[in-house]
Amino acid sequence: PWIWLFGDDDEMHPECVAKFYEILGNLQPEVSVIRFNTDVIDEASEIRKCNPSHPQSESASEFLFNRLLGHRKSYVTEYIFRRSTYSLRGGFPDYPAAWCADDAAWFSFAGNGPILTIPGPRVRWRSSRINITGANRSCQTEKLEAGRRFLNFIEKEVEPGDSGHSADEWSEARSIWFENQVRYLSPLTPSLIRAVIQANSPWNRPRIERAILAIIWTIKGHFREARRWLTKAKTKRSIKTPTC
């Protein structure tokens, strides 16, 4: 049996299920993780972005390396995995807000086998400010802590078994991922700014550069929120029914 954790607000092409069963008959026993390519849709189900297609087959460590660099878009809803492997590996890791838990799980579930991509029909992941990915200020502290655990997992569990990239390349990839997380989570509170610039941060920049960037992104984030609030206020005033 296989497990597909499909989001209740996501969508799929009508041929996705048939395509899965089509490849199932020729699947090698070492394959435990399968995925679809994805598009991003908005609240109105309009396609806003067609993500680049995944390689037809890649190792779990190569997937994570490219994930850190920002070369792979990845959503839980696109993956299908063996239930036996899920049970054997103890399910998903217990990260705060489940942030990054899926990426770590694909490595664990795949084992020594490849992650295969089903060609053709795509899964459509919905971007919304009410889900945890779309709401960048939701669970900021938890997301940062989960990110640290995720990067520690990669450094301790993934890198030692990978021969395709050097330790310096992995270190740089982890730093790039963490920097992108800080930018995504902005605007940050003062305590979170202090946390991301501390000495043991995975961010490979001098502390003064970390501080400057975190403050700049926080200021820009506050301006974005102010503009959004003003736009909503203007919209409400424009649709308000005039009194006679």
Foldseek 3Di string as FASTA:
>chain_A
DKDAPADPQWFWDPCVVVLVVVCVVVDDPLAFKEFEFEFEAEPVRHTDGRQDGDPQKDALLVVVLCVLVVNDDDDSRGMMGDPVLCVVLVHFDDAQVCACRVSVVVNSSSPGHIYGYRPDIHIYHYADCPDPQNVLQPPLVRNLRSLVVNLVCCVPPPVVPDPPDDPVSSLVSSQSNNVVSLLSNAPDDPVVLCVCLDPPHSNPDHSVVSSVVNVVSNVVRVVVVVVVVVVVVVVCVVPDDDDD
